[in-house]
Amino acid sequence: MNKNRLEAFSDGVFAIVITLIVLNVKVPDVHIANNNQLNQIIRAAAPKLLSFGFSFLVIGIFWIAHHRIFSFAKVVDTPLLWLNLVYLMFNALIPFPASILADNFFMPTTILIYTGTLFLISMMHFIILEYIIKHEDVKHEALTKSIYRSATRSAIIGPVCFILAAASSFVSAYLSLFFVTCALFFSIFIIGKNKVSKKLIAVAKEELE
């Protein structure tokens, strides 16, 4: 089966998830009498804005990861379609823990639910990639064992950071946010320069030619 419909459907789900994240950020429906009151409202909205920022970046990173993984699939079969649906289901769940995090920012249970959701999604990357490399009729020839090992080494950083973030939630919410930030930083600034990204660029150039 052609993978274009899978990618189009997946992009639509990611777009809806981001829209739901944005809807969590609401302007208070109150009359602002002075600047001090405005400052208080902005400070009160800070957790919601922080939750939105983190969640927007996280969803963006998962969308990029999804694109990278399926670039190594030349076609899709039924099991891969179902794996993708499970992956999208966990992504569609993100607005729920993000909303709880915005309203209860410093509670360990809140952070556990949020980081637990991110951990499940990041583990789905391994499952989908493992399925692709083990099925020759699905796998693109660009997914060599060397590229696969490079991809898995990069992908392990996210789950490790999310586990550390969950564990440290009982110590400090700020420490948890630090580990989540580490995962974001690595995904944005490091992964984009590794062997996998260079291979994907080469594959894209070949397809254009």
C-alpha atoms as a PDB file:
ATOM      1  CA  MET A   1       0.000   0.000   0.000  1.00  0.00           C
ATOM      2  CA  ASN A   2       1.132   3.509  -0.786  1.00  0.00           C
ATOM      3  CA  LYS A   3       2.201   5.447   2.304  1.00  0.00           C
ATOM      4  CA  ASN A   4       0.950   8.862   1.116  1.00  0.00           C
ATOM      5  CA  ARG A   5      -2.480   8.424   2.696  1.00  0.00           C
ATOM      6  CA  LEU A   6      -0.915   7.316   5.979  1.00  0.00           C
ATOM      7  CA  GLU A   7       1.302  10.412   6.071  1.00  0.00           C
ATOM      8  CA  ALA A   8      -1.556  12.736   5.121  1.00  0.00           C
ATOM      9  CA  PHE A   9      -3.819  11.284   7.803  1.00  0.00           C
ATOM     10  CA  SER A  10      -1.026  11.463  10.373  1.00  0.00           C
ATOM     11  CA  ASP A  11      -0.307  15.111   9.538  1.00  0.00           C
ATOM     12  CA  GLY A  12      -3.992  15.878  10.043  1.00  0.00           C
ATOM     13  CA  VAL A  13      -3.977  14.252  13.484  1.00  0.00           C
ATOM     14  CA  PHE A  14      -0.876  16.211  14.523  1.00  0.00           C
ATOM     15  CA  ALA A  15      -2.526  19.442  13.338  1.00  0.00           C
ATOM     16  CA  ILE A  16      -5.638  18.729  15.419  1.00  0.00           C
ATOM     17  CA  VAL A  17      -3.537  17.906  18.500  1.00  0.00           C
ATOM     18  CA  ILE A  18      -1.664  21.215  18.216  1.00  0.00           C
ATOM     19  CA  THR A  19      -4.980  23.035  17.814  1.00  0.00           C
ATOM     20  CA  LEU A  20      -6.289  21.442  21.022  1.00  0.00           C
ATOM     21  CA  ILE A  21      -3.089  22.490  22.821  1.00  0.00           C
ATOM     22  CA  VAL A  22      -3.618  26.098  21.712  1.00  0.00           C
ATOM     23  CA  LEU A  23      -7.229  26.044  22.920  1.00  0.00           C
ATOM     24  CA  ASN A  24      -5.967  25.351  26.456  1.00  0.00           C
ATOM     25  CA  VAL A  25      -4.501  28.869  26.515  1.00  0.00           C
ATOM     26  CA  LYS A  26      -7.444  31.190  27.192  1.00  0.00           C
ATOM     27  CA  VAL A  27      -7.550  34.922  27.809  1.00  0.00           C
ATOM     28  CA  PRO A  28      -9.298  35.597  31.157  1.00  0.00           C
ATOM     29  CA  ASP A  29     -12.724  37.101  30.658  1.00  0.00           C
ATOM     30  CA  VAL A  30     -12.330  39.868  33.244  1.00  0.00           C
ATOM     31  CA  HIS A  31     -12.162  43.639  33.153  1.00  0.00           C
ATOM     32  CA  ILE A  32      -8.599  44.780  33.791  1.00  0.00           C
ATOM     33  CA  ALA A  33      -8.663  47.899  35.919  1.00  0.00           C
ATOM     34  CA  ASN A  34      -4.940  48.631  36.185  1.00  0.00           C
ATOM     35  CA  ASN A  35      -1.457  47.425  35.258  1.00  0.00           C
ATOM     36  CA  ASN A  36      -0.943  45.574  38.554  1.00  0.00           C
ATOM     37  CA  GLN A  37      -4.033  43.480  37.912  1.00  0.00           C
ATOM     38  CA  LEU A  38      -2.772  42.727  34.395  1.00  0.00           C
ATOM     39  CA  ASN A  39       0.577  41.602  35.825  1.00  0.00           C
ATOM     40  CA  GLN A  40      -1.223  39.283  38.261  1.00  0.00           C
ATOM     41  CA  ILE A  41      -3.258  37.753  35.435  1.00  0.00           C
ATOM     42  CA  ILE A  42      -0.117  37.184  33.354  1.00  0.00           C
ATOM     43  CA  ARG A  43       1.688  35.547  36.298  1.00  0.00           C
ATOM     44  CA  ALA A  44      -1.323  33.310  36.915  1.00  0.00           C
ATOM     45  CA  ALA A  45      -1.309  32.322  33.229  1.00  0.00           C
ATOM     46  CA  ALA A  46       2.418  31.465  33.255  1.00  0.00           C
ATOM     47  CA  PRO A  47       1.916  27.706  33.946  1.00  0.00           C
ATOM     48  CA  LYS A  48      -0.549  27.451  31.046  1.00  0.00           C
ATOM     49  CA  LEU A  49       1.855  29.268  28.721  1.00  0.00           C
ATOM     50  CA  LEU A  50       4.767  27.092  29.835  1.00  0.00           C
ATOM     51  CA  SER A  51       2.714  23.930  29.379  1.00  0.00           C
ATOM     52  CA  PHE A  52       1.691  25.147  25.919  1.00  0.00           C
ATOM     53  CA  GLY A  53       5.292  25.906  24.933  1.00  0.00           C
ATOM     54  CA  PHE A  54       6.615  22.546  26.094  1.00  0.00           C
ATOM     55  CA  SER A  55       3.740  20.605  24.543  1.00  0.00           C
ATOM     56  CA  PHE A  56       3.948  22.462  21.216  1.00  0.00           C
ATOM     57  CA  LEU A  57       7.657  21.663  20.918  1.00  0.00           C
ATOM     58  CA  VAL A  58       7.114  18.057  22.017  1.00  0.00           C
ATOM     59  CA  ILE A  59       4.410  17.508  19.395  1.00  0.00           C
ATOM     60  CA  GLY A  60       6.622  19.135  16.781  1.00  0.00           C
ATOM     61  CA  ILE A  61       9.482  16.801  17.684  1.00  0.00           C
ATOM     62  CA  PHE A  62       7.202  13.756  17.516  1.00  0.00           C
ATOM     63  CA  TRP A  63       5.916  14.915  14.120  1.00  0.00           C
ATOM     64  CA  ILE A  64       9.492  15.243  12.837  1.00  0.00           C
ATOM     65  CA  ALA A  65      10.368  11.812  14.279  1.00  0.00           C
ATOM     66  CA  HIS A  66       7.315  10.323  12.559  1.00  0.00           C
ATOM     67  CA  HIS A  67       8.406  11.854   9.258  1.00  0.00           C
ATOM     68  CA  ARG A  68      11.971  10.540   9.672  1.00  0.00           C
ATOM     69  CA  ILE A  69      10.840   7.012  10.559  1.00  0.00           C
ATOM     70  CA  PHE A  70       8.391   6.656   7.671  1.00  0.00           C
ATOM     71  CA  SER A  71      10.974   7.999   5.238  1.00  0.00           C
ATOM     72  CA  PHE A  72      12.577   4.580   5.730  1.00  0.00           C
ATOM     73  CA  ALA A  73       9.392   2.769   4.668  1.00  0.00           C
ATOM     74  CA  LYS A  74       8.840   2.489   0.928  1.00  0.00           C
ATOM     75  CA  VAL A  75       5.331   1.070   1.384  1.00  0.00           C
ATOM     76  CA  VAL A  76       3.035   0.256   4.304  1.00  0.00           C
ATOM     77  CA  ASP A  77       1.190  -2.926   5.185  1.00  0.00           C
ATOM     78  CA  THR A  78      -1.719  -3.553   7.532  1.00  0.00           C
ATOM     79  CA  PRO A  79       0.302  -4.163  10.753  1.00  0.00           C
ATOM     80  CA  LEU A  80       2.251  -0.955  10.128  1.00  0.00           C
ATOM     81  CA  LEU A  81      -1.003   0.943   9.649  1.00  0.00           C
ATOM     82  CA  TRP A  82      -2.211  -0.304  13.034  1.00  0.00           C
ATOM     83  CA  LEU A  83       1.081   0.557  14.721  1.00  0.00           C
ATOM     84  CA  ASN A  84       0.764   4.052  13.305  1.00  0.00           C
ATOM     85  CA  LEU A  85      -2.779   4.354  14.634  1.00  0.00           C
ATOM     86  CA  VAL A  86      -1.637   3.383  18.129  1.00  0.00           C
ATOM     87  CA  TYR A  87       1.169   5.934  17.856  1.00  0.00           C
ATOM     88  CA  LEU A  88      -1.294   8.649  16.807  1.00  0.00           C
ATOM     89  CA  MET A  89      -3.666   7.662  19.624  1.00  0.00           C
ATOM     90  CA  PHE A  90      -0.994   8.403  22.236  1.00  0.00           C
ATOM     91  CA  ASN A  91      -0.171  11.696  20.516  1.00  0.00           C
ATOM     92  CA  ALA A  92      -3.844  12.642  20.477  1.00  0.00           C
ATOM     93  CA  LEU A  93      -3.846  12.100  24.242  1.00  0.00           C
ATOM     94  CA  ILE A  94      -1.228  14.834  24.878  1.00  0.00           C
ATOM     95  CA  PRO A  95      -3.750  17.714  25.312  1.00  0.00           C
ATOM     96  CA  PHE A  96      -5.241  15.893  28.326  1.00  0.00           C
ATOM     97  CA  PRO A  97      -2.063  15.681  30.483  1.00  0.00           C
ATOM     98  CA  ALA A  98      -0.969  19.082  29.149  1.00  0.00           C
ATOM     99  CA  SER A  99      -4.214  20.618  30.429  1.00  0.00           C
ATOM    100  CA  ILE A 100      -3.783  18.954  33.820  1.00  0.00           C
ATOM    101  CA  LEU A 101      -0.159  20.138  33.946  1.00  0.00           C
ATOM    102  CA  ALA A 102      -1.219  23.722  33.230  1.00  0.00           C
ATOM    103  CA  ASP A 103      -3.641  23.761  36.181  1.00  0.00           C
ATOM    104  CA  ASN A 104      -1.599  21.665  38.644  1.00  0.00           C
ATOM    105  CA  PHE A 105       1.963  22.430  37.682  1.00  0.00           C
ATOM    106  CA  PHE A 106       3.832  21.326  40.800  1.00  0.00           C
ATOM    107  CA  MET A 107       2.021  18.080  41.634  1.00  0.00           C
ATOM    108  CA  PRO A 108       4.028  14.836  41.171  1.00  0.00           C
ATOM    109  CA  THR A 109       1.033  12.930  39.798  1.00  0.00           C
ATOM    110  CA  THR A 110       0.540  15.584  37.135  1.00  0.00           C
ATOM    111  CA  ILE A 111       4.153  15.337  36.008  1.00  0.00           C
ATOM    112  CA  LEU A 112       3.992  11.530  36.076  1.00  0.00           C
ATOM    113  CA  ILE A 113       0.964  11.487  33.766  1.00  0.00           C
ATOM    114  CA  TYR A 114       2.554  14.003  31.400  1.00  0.00           C
ATOM    115  CA  THR A 115       5.998  12.395  31.194  1.00  0.00           C
ATOM    116  CA  GLY A 116       4.443   8.918  31.121  1.00  0.00           C
ATOM    117  CA  THR A 117       2.493   9.867  27.996  1.00  0.00           C
ATOM    118  CA  LEU A 118       5.641  11.224  26.349  1.00  0.00           C
ATOM    119  CA  PHE A 119       7.522   8.044  27.301  1.00  0.00           C
ATOM    120  CA  LEU A 120       4.911   5.805  25.646  1.00  0.00           C
ATOM    121  CA  ILE A 121       5.042   7.853  22.450  1.00  0.00           C
ATOM    122  CA  SER A 122       8.833   7.823  22.338  1.00  0.00           C
ATOM    123  CA  MET A 123       8.853   4.039  22.828  1.00  0.00           C
ATOM    124  CA  MET A 124       6.502   3.672  19.859  1.00  0.00           C
ATOM    125  CA  HIS A 125       9.308   5.099  17.713  1.00  0.00           C
ATOM    126  CA  PHE A 126      11.395   2.012  18.535  1.00  0.00           C
ATOM    127  CA  ILE A 127       8.517  -0.378  17.887  1.00  0.00           C
ATOM    128  CA  ILE A 128       7.667   1.110  14.480  1.00  0.00           C
ATOM    129  CA  LEU A 129      11.301   1.352  13.390  1.00  0.00           C
ATOM    130  CA  GLU A 130      11.928  -2.227  14.538  1.00  0.00           C
ATOM    131  CA  TYR A 131       8.948  -3.424  12.507  1.00  0.00           C
ATOM    132  CA  ILE A 132      10.144  -1.605   9.388  1.00  0.00           C
ATOM    133  CA  ILE A 133      13.702  -2.958   9.446  1.00  0.00           C
ATOM    134  CA  LYS A 134      12.512  -6.543  10.008  1.00  0.00           C
ATOM    135  CA  HIS A 135      10.201  -6.530   6.965  1.00  0.00           C
ATOM    136  CA  GLU A 136      12.067  -6.342   3.674  1.00  0.00           C
ATOM    137  CA  ASP A 137       8.892  -5.781   1.674  1.00  0.00           C
ATOM    138  CA  VAL A 138       8.239  -2.613   3.689  1.00  0.00           C
ATOM    139  CA  LYS A 139      11.776  -1.355   4.340  1.00  0.00           C
ATOM    140  CA  HIS A 140      13.440   1.239   2.153  1.00  0.00           C
ATOM    141  CA  GLU A 141      16.910   0.155   1.050  1.00  0.00           C
ATOM    142  CA  ALA A 142      18.346   3.287   2.735  1.00  0.00           C
ATOM    143  CA  LEU A 143      17.599   1.770   6.155  1.00  0.00           C
ATOM    144  CA  THR A 144      20.827  -0.158   6.614  1.00  0.00           C
ATOM    145  CA  LYS A 145      21.879  -1.744   9.898  1.00  0.00           C
ATOM    146  CA  SER A 146      24.321   1.116  10.457  1.00  0.00           C
ATOM    147  CA  ILE A 147      21.581   3.733   9.987  1.00  0.00           C
ATOM    148  CA  TYR A 148      19.247   1.705  12.192  1.00  0.00           C
ATOM    149  CA  ARG A 149      21.798   1.610  15.027  1.00  0.00           C
ATOM    150  CA  SER A 150      22.380   5.346  14.689  1.00  0.00           C
ATOM    151  CA  ALA A 151      18.634   6.013  14.782  1.00  0.00           C
ATOM    152  CA  THR A 152      18.075   3.861  17.879  1.00  0.00           C
ATOM    153  CA  ARG A 153      21.011   5.455  19.713  1.00  0.00           C
ATOM    154  CA  SER A 154      19.500   8.890  19.121  1.00  0.00           C
ATOM    155  CA  ALA A 155      15.971   7.781  19.940  1.00  0.00           C
ATOM    156  CA  ILE A 156      16.935   6.369  23.360  1.00  0.00           C
ATOM    157  CA  ILE A 157      17.688   9.849  24.749  1.00  0.00           C
ATOM    158  CA  GLY A 158      14.018  10.852  24.894  1.00  0.00           C
ATOM    159  CA  PRO A 159      12.743   7.870  26.921  1.00  0.00           C
ATOM    160  CA  VAL A 160      15.688   8.119  29.342  1.00  0.00           C
ATOM    161  CA  CYS A 161      15.026  11.823  29.939  1.00  0.00           C
ATOM    162  CA  PHE A 162      11.306  11.196  30.433  1.00  0.00           C
ATOM    163  CA  ILE A 163      12.001   8.438  32.977  1.00  0.00           C
ATOM    164  CA  LEU A 164      14.348  10.773  34.865  1.00  0.00           C
ATOM    165  CA  ALA A 165      11.747  13.542  34.702  1.00  0.00           C
ATOM    166  CA  ALA A 166       9.092  11.228  36.148  1.00  0.00           C
ATOM    167  CA  ALA A 167      11.389   9.983  38.915  1.00  0.00           C
ATOM    168  CA  SER A 168      12.508  13.499  39.885  1.00  0.00           C
ATOM    169  CA  SER A 169       8.903  14.733  40.101  1.00  0.00           C
ATOM    170  CA  PHE A 170       8.916  13.604  43.747  1.00  0.00           C
ATOM    171  CA  VAL A 171      11.926  15.834  44.392  1.00  0.00           C
ATOM    172  CA  SER A 172      11.283  18.980  42.359  1.00  0.00           C
ATOM    173  CA  ALA A 173       8.992  19.998  39.500  1.00  0.00           C
ATOM    174  CA  TYR A 174      11.781  22.212  38.196  1.00  0.00           C
ATOM    175  CA  LEU A 175      14.140  19.247  38.041  1.00  0.00           C
ATOM    176  CA  SER A 176      11.548  17.335  36.025  1.00  0.00           C
ATOM    177  CA  LEU A 177      11.235  20.246  33.626  1.00  0.00           C
ATOM    178  CA  PHE A 178      15.027  20.283  33.313  1.00  0.00           C
ATOM    179  CA  PHE A 179      15.070  16.680  32.080  1.00  0.00           C
ATOM    180  CA  VAL A 180      12.211  17.306  29.663  1.00  0.00           C
ATOM    181  CA  THR A 181      14.103  20.361  28.408  1.00  0.00           C
ATOM    182  CA  CYS A 182      17.204  18.193  27.909  1.00  0.00           C
ATOM    183  CA  ALA A 183      15.179  15.849  25.698  1.00  0.00           C
ATOM    184  CA  LEU A 184      13.861  18.789  23.680  1.00  0.00           C
ATOM    185  CA  PHE A 185      17.314  20.356  23.343  1.00  0.00           C
ATOM    186  CA  PHE A 186      18.850  17.092  22.136  1.00  0.00           C
ATOM    187  CA  SER A 187      16.050  16.478  19.632  1.00  0.00           C
ATOM    188  CA  ILE A 188      16.170  20.001  18.207  1.00  0.00           C
ATOM    189  CA  PHE A 189      19.902  20.723  18.110  1.00  0.00           C
ATOM    190  CA  ILE A 190      21.685  17.345  18.027  1.00  0.00           C
ATOM    191  CA  ILE A 191      19.602  14.746  16.179  1.00  0.00           C
ATOM    192  CA  GLY A 192      19.218  16.985  13.130  1.00  0.00           C
ATOM    193  CA  LYS A 193      22.967  16.722  12.480  1.00  0.00           C
ATOM    194  CA  ASN A 194      23.495  12.985  12.858  1.00  0.00           C
ATOM    195  CA  LYS A 195      24.055  10.216  10.301  1.00  0.00           C
ATOM    196  CA  VAL A 196      20.337   9.490   9.953  1.00  0.00           C
ATOM    197  CA  SER A 197      19.479  13.055   8.929  1.00  0.00           C
ATOM    198  CA  LYS A 198      22.288  13.126   6.359  1.00  0.00           C
ATOM    199  CA  LYS A 199      21.031   9.842   4.913  1.00  0.00           C
ATOM    200  CA  LEU A 200      17.467  11.176   4.683  1.00  0.00           C
ATOM    201  CA  ILE A 201      18.706  14.242   2.811  1.00  0.00           C
ATOM    202  CA  ALA A 202      20.584  11.994   0.379  1.00  0.00           C
ATOM    203  CA  VAL A 203      17.478   9.849  -0.158  1.00  0.00           C
ATOM    204  CA  ALA A 204      15.345  12.951  -0.784  1.00  0.00           C
ATOM    205  CA  LYS A 205      17.828  14.226  -3.366  1.00  0.00           C
ATOM    206  CA  GLU A 206      17.816  10.873  -5.157  1.00  0.00           C
ATOM    207  CA  GLU A 207      14.008  10.878  -5.331  1.00  0.00           C
ATOM    208  CA  LEU A 208      14.003  14.400  -6.792  1.00  0.00           C
ATOM    209  CA  GLU A 209      16.403  13.304  -9.492  1.00  0.00           C
END
